[in-house]
Amino acid sequence: MKTIGLIGGMSWESSAEYYRLINVDMKSRLGGHHNARSVMVTVSFEEIKTLQHAQRWDELGEHMTQAALQVQTAGAEFVLLCTNTMHRVAPALEAALDVPLLHIVDPTAQALRDAGVRRVGLLGTAFTMEQDFYRGRMQERHGIEVVVPQAQERALVHQVIYDELCHGIVRDASRDAYRLIIDNMRAQGVGGVILGCTEIALLISQEDVTLPVFDTTALHAQAAVTRALE
């Protein structure tokens, strides 16, 4: 079994879900008292959030690279960045690491292809929805078209993530607002919706909407277990 390296803390709520999902899946596959071999470095999200909103991506790349090198030194044989947004700086990590980075877009795209979805809605932080690092990889590497909500809806999705979900606050009113946004994207002909922030699964599940849901946290965690057992 390979040792999984996890870069967490963005936020710790979703990092805890990564840890749970990986170990539940490993035990499910191997049985007995098996769990995943892993190491995790947790960053302070307050500092990361401040730099994100200041658009200081070079500094963020340095922070993530330092964390990646820490888990590599601790014995990680491949690395997961337990956040969608910070994949904005994934190239910096890939350049610095001697072990692979398991990019969150790739297992999500595989699940979309397996489901026959070629046009998909994306919910995430404003950075993930509006910048090209996520949508571009989906389109250029995997041939999947990505649709994002309108500007006012994107602002609401972003606000709920940072002001509620990152603090572990789950509100019915926010769930209803997300459902409406998903319905609006469905009217644009999407065949599913990506929960493209690792906290959104705290709010929205498949039971909440009729469109197929693609939870990046769960898909990334499953891919990590598969890689660890190869």
Protein backbone atom coordinates (compact mmCIF):
# COMPACT_ATOMS: atom_id res chain seq x y z
CA MET A 1 0.00 0.00 0.00
CA LYS A 2 1.40 3.39 -0.99
CA THR A 3 1.41 6.23 1.53
CA ILE A 4 -1.01 9.03 0.64
CA GLY A 5 0.10 12.63 1.24
CA LEU A 6 -2.69 15.05 2.11
CA ILE A 7 -2.46 18.86 2.16
CA GLY A 8 -5.40 19.95 4.29
CA GLY A 9 -6.86 22.79 6.30
CA MET A 10 -8.75 24.48 3.45
CA SER A 11 -11.00 24.09 5.40
CA TRP A 12 -10.38 21.57 8.16
CA GLU A 13 -14.03 20.46 7.90
CA SER A 14 -13.53 19.17 4.38
CA SER A 15 -10.07 17.78 5.25
CA ALA A 16 -11.67 15.70 7.99
CA GLU A 17 -14.13 14.39 5.39
CA TYR A 18 -11.23 13.44 3.10
CA TYR A 19 -9.62 11.48 5.93
CA ARG A 20 -12.91 9.72 6.75
CA LEU A 21 -13.75 8.87 3.14
CA ILE A 22 -10.28 7.52 2.35
CA ASN A 23 -10.21 5.25 5.38
CA VAL A 24 -13.79 4.04 4.98
CA ASP A 25 -13.08 3.18 1.35
CA MET A 26 -9.82 1.42 2.17
CA LYS A 27 -11.50 -0.71 4.83
CA SER A 28 -14.35 -1.47 2.43
CA ARG A 29 -11.91 -2.72 -0.21
CA LEU A 30 -9.54 -4.66 2.06
CA GLY A 31 -11.72 -5.59 5.03
CA GLY A 32 -10.59 -6.38 8.54
CA HIS A 33 -8.90 -3.54 10.39
CA HIS A 34 -7.33 -2.03 7.29
CA ASN A 35 -7.05 1.70 6.89
CA ALA A 36 -5.01 3.93 4.59
CA ARG A 37 -1.39 4.78 5.19
CA SER A 38 -1.28 8.57 5.05
CA VAL A 39 0.43 11.72 6.21
CA MET A 40 -1.22 15.14 6.37
CA VAL A 41 0.03 18.69 6.64
CA THR A 42 -2.65 21.17 7.67
CA VAL A 43 -2.27 24.85 6.81
CA SER A 44 -3.99 27.80 8.46
CA PHE A 45 -6.95 28.71 6.30
CA GLU A 46 -7.17 32.26 7.63
CA GLU A 47 -3.84 33.08 6.02
CA ILE A 48 -4.73 31.22 2.82
CA LYS A 49 -8.12 32.93 2.55
CA THR A 50 -6.55 36.38 2.95
CA LEU A 51 -4.03 35.71 0.19
CA GLN A 52 -6.74 34.27 -2.09
CA HIS A 53 -8.90 37.35 -1.88
CA ALA A 54 -5.84 39.55 -2.43
CA GLN A 55 -5.10 37.51 -5.60
CA ARG A 56 -1.57 36.79 -4.32
CA TRP A 57 -1.29 33.49 -6.14
CA ASP A 58 2.51 33.39 -6.29
CA GLU A 59 2.68 33.48 -2.50
CA LEU A 60 -0.03 30.86 -2.29
CA GLY A 61 2.00 28.67 -4.61
CA GLU A 62 4.94 28.98 -2.23
CA HIS A 63 2.75 28.01 0.74
CA MET A 64 1.34 24.97 -1.04
CA THR A 65 4.74 23.90 -2.32
CA GLN A 66 6.18 24.04 1.20
CA ALA A 67 3.31 21.88 2.46
CA ALA A 68 3.72 19.45 -0.43
CA LEU A 69 7.43 19.05 0.28
CA GLN A 70 6.63 18.42 3.95
CA VAL A 71 4.33 15.49 3.15
CA GLN A 72 6.82 14.18 0.60
CA THR A 73 9.60 14.28 3.22
CA ALA A 74 7.26 12.48 5.64
CA GLY A 75 7.02 9.57 3.22
CA ALA A 76 4.12 10.39 0.87
CA GLU A 77 4.35 8.46 -2.40
CA PHE A 78 1.83 10.73 -4.09
CA VAL A 79 0.07 13.92 -2.99
CA LEU A 80 -3.51 15.23 -2.82
CA LEU A 81 -4.31 18.90 -2.46
CA CYS A 82 -7.55 18.65 -0.45
CA THR A 83 -9.21 21.66 -2.05
CA ASN A 84 -10.44 22.62 -5.51
CA THR A 85 -9.51 26.31 -5.43
CA MET A 86 -5.85 25.81 -4.60
CA HIS A 87 -5.38 23.69 -7.70
CA ARG A 88 -4.88 27.14 -9.20
CA VAL A 89 -1.26 26.65 -8.12
CA ALA A 90 -0.99 22.93 -8.96
CA PRO A 91 1.75 23.52 -11.58
CA ALA A 92 4.06 24.89 -8.86
CA LEU A 93 3.59 21.73 -6.80
CA GLU A 94 4.12 19.44 -9.78
CA ALA A 95 7.37 21.26 -10.58
CA ALA A 96 8.67 20.93 -7.01
CA LEU A 97 7.63 17.37 -6.14
CA ASP A 98 9.50 14.16 -6.92
CA VAL A 99 6.25 12.20 -6.49
CA PRO A 100 2.97 12.58 -8.45
CA LEU A 101 0.24 15.08 -7.64
CA LEU A 102 -3.20 13.49 -8.02
CA HIS A 103 -5.10 16.40 -9.60
CA ILE A 104 -8.71 16.77 -8.45
CA VAL A 105 -10.05 17.52 -11.94
CA ASP A 106 -8.94 14.21 -13.44
CA PRO A 107 -11.00 11.70 -11.38
CA THR A 108 -13.96 14.08 -11.64
CA ALA A 109 -13.62 14.13 -15.42
CA GLN A 110 -13.37 10.34 -15.50
CA ALA A 111 -16.63 10.05 -13.56
CA LEU A 112 -18.29 12.50 -15.95
CA ARG A 113 -17.11 10.52 -18.98
CA ASP A 114 -18.26 7.27 -17.42
CA ALA A 115 -21.70 8.83 -16.92
CA GLY A 116 -21.79 10.13 -20.49
CA VAL A 117 -21.85 13.78 -19.38
CA ARG A 118 -20.15 16.15 -21.83
CA ARG A 119 -21.69 19.44 -20.62
CA VAL A 120 -21.69 20.02 -16.89
CA GLY A 121 -22.52 22.74 -14.38
CA LEU A 122 -19.88 23.86 -11.88
CA LEU A 123 -20.36 25.19 -8.36
CA GLY A 124 -17.34 26.35 -6.39
CA THR A 125 -15.60 29.41 -5.08
CA ALA A 126 -15.56 32.45 -7.33
CA PHE A 127 -11.92 31.63 -8.11
CA THR A 128 -12.80 28.13 -9.30
CA MET A 129 -15.85 29.21 -11.28
CA GLU A 130 -14.36 32.31 -12.88
CA GLN A 131 -10.70 31.48 -13.51
CA ASP A 132 -9.54 29.10 -16.21
CA PHE A 133 -7.40 26.62 -14.25
CA TYR A 134 -10.35 24.29 -13.56
CA ARG A 135 -12.63 24.80 -16.55
CA GLY A 136 -9.64 24.86 -18.89
CA ARG A 137 -8.31 21.48 -17.73
CA MET A 138 -11.80 19.97 -18.05
CA GLN A 139 -12.17 21.24 -21.59
CA GLU A 140 -8.64 20.87 -22.94
CA ARG A 141 -7.62 17.56 -21.36
CA HIS A 142 -10.99 15.84 -21.11
CA GLY A 143 -13.26 17.45 -23.71
CA ILE A 144 -15.96 18.39 -21.20
CA GLU A 145 -17.73 21.76 -21.48
CA VAL A 146 -18.27 23.57 -18.19
CA VAL A 147 -21.17 25.95 -17.47
CA VAL A 148 -21.05 28.31 -14.46
CA PRO A 149 -23.88 30.28 -12.82
CA GLN A 150 -24.62 33.93 -13.53
CA ALA A 151 -22.58 36.60 -11.71
CA GLN A 152 -25.06 37.23 -8.88
CA GLU A 153 -25.46 33.49 -8.34
CA ARG A 154 -21.70 32.98 -8.30
CA ALA A 155 -21.39 35.62 -5.61
CA LEU A 156 -23.98 33.83 -3.47
CA VAL A 157 -22.32 30.43 -3.92
CA HIS A 158 -18.97 31.93 -2.93
CA GLN A 159 -20.40 33.72 0.12
CA VAL A 160 -22.08 30.58 1.44
CA ILE A 161 -18.83 28.62 1.12
CA TYR A 162 -16.67 31.09 3.04
CA ASP A 163 -19.14 32.51 5.53
CA GLU A 164 -21.06 29.31 6.33
CA LEU A 165 -19.68 25.99 5.14
CA CYS A 166 -16.05 26.71 6.05
CA HIS A 167 -17.33 27.30 9.60
CA GLY A 168 -19.39 24.10 9.58
CA ILE A 169 -22.66 26.06 9.29
CA VAL A 170 -25.29 24.32 7.16
CA ARG A 171 -28.51 26.29 6.53
CA ASP A 172 -31.69 25.14 4.82
CA ALA A 173 -32.06 28.53 3.17
CA SER A 174 -28.64 28.17 1.57
CA ARG A 175 -29.49 24.67 0.39
CA ASP A 176 -32.64 26.02 -1.24
CA ALA A 177 -30.65 28.79 -2.92
CA TYR A 178 -28.14 26.28 -4.30
CA ARG A 179 -30.99 24.11 -5.58
CA LEU A 180 -32.41 27.05 -7.50
CA ILE A 181 -29.02 27.83 -9.02
CA ILE A 182 -28.64 24.20 -10.08
CA ASP A 183 -32.11 24.31 -11.66
CA ASN A 184 -31.09 27.41 -13.61
CA MET A 185 -28.01 25.61 -14.93
CA ARG A 186 -30.12 22.61 -15.84
CA ALA A 187 -32.16 24.93 -18.08
CA GLN A 188 -28.89 25.56 -19.96
CA GLY A 189 -28.68 21.91 -20.93
CA VAL A 190 -26.13 20.53 -18.49
CA GLY A 191 -26.18 16.81 -17.77
CA GLY A 192 -24.91 17.04 -14.22
CA VAL A 193 -23.39 19.36 -11.64
CA ILE A 194 -19.89 19.34 -10.16
CA LEU A 195 -19.68 20.13 -6.45
CA GLY A 196 -16.41 21.90 -7.18
CA CYS A 197 -15.60 23.02 -3.67
CA THR A 198 -14.76 20.42 -1.06
CA GLU A 199 -17.22 21.97 1.42
CA ILE A 200 -20.30 21.93 -0.84
CA ALA A 201 -20.97 18.26 -0.12
CA LEU A 202 -21.73 19.36 3.46
CA LEU A 203 -24.74 21.20 2.02
CA ILE A 204 -25.82 19.40 -1.17
CA SER A 205 -26.13 15.67 -1.83
CA GLN A 206 -27.71 13.64 -4.60
CA GLU A 207 -30.93 13.46 -2.60
CA ASP A 208 -31.30 17.24 -2.79
CA VAL A 209 -31.39 17.63 -6.59
CA THR A 210 -32.54 15.74 -9.67
CA LEU A 211 -29.43 16.33 -11.78
CA PRO A 212 -26.58 13.85 -11.29
CA VAL A 213 -24.15 15.21 -8.69
CA PHE A 214 -20.38 14.78 -8.95
CA ASP A 215 -18.80 15.30 -5.54
CA THR A 216 -15.14 16.18 -6.06
CA THR A 217 -14.22 15.34 -2.46
CA ALA A 218 -15.55 11.78 -2.72
CA LEU A 219 -14.16 11.24 -6.22
CA HIS A 220 -10.72 12.53 -5.25
CA ALA A 221 -10.68 10.34 -2.13
CA GLN A 222 -11.71 7.24 -4.11
CA ALA A 223 -9.00 7.92 -6.68
CA ALA A 224 -6.45 8.19 -3.87
CA VAL A 225 -7.38 4.75 -2.53
CA THR A 226 -7.15 3.27 -6.01
CA ARG A 227 -3.71 4.83 -6.52
CA ALA A 228 -2.54 3.65 -3.11
CA LEU A 229 -3.44 0.05 -3.97
CA GLU A 230 -1.89 -0.02 -7.45
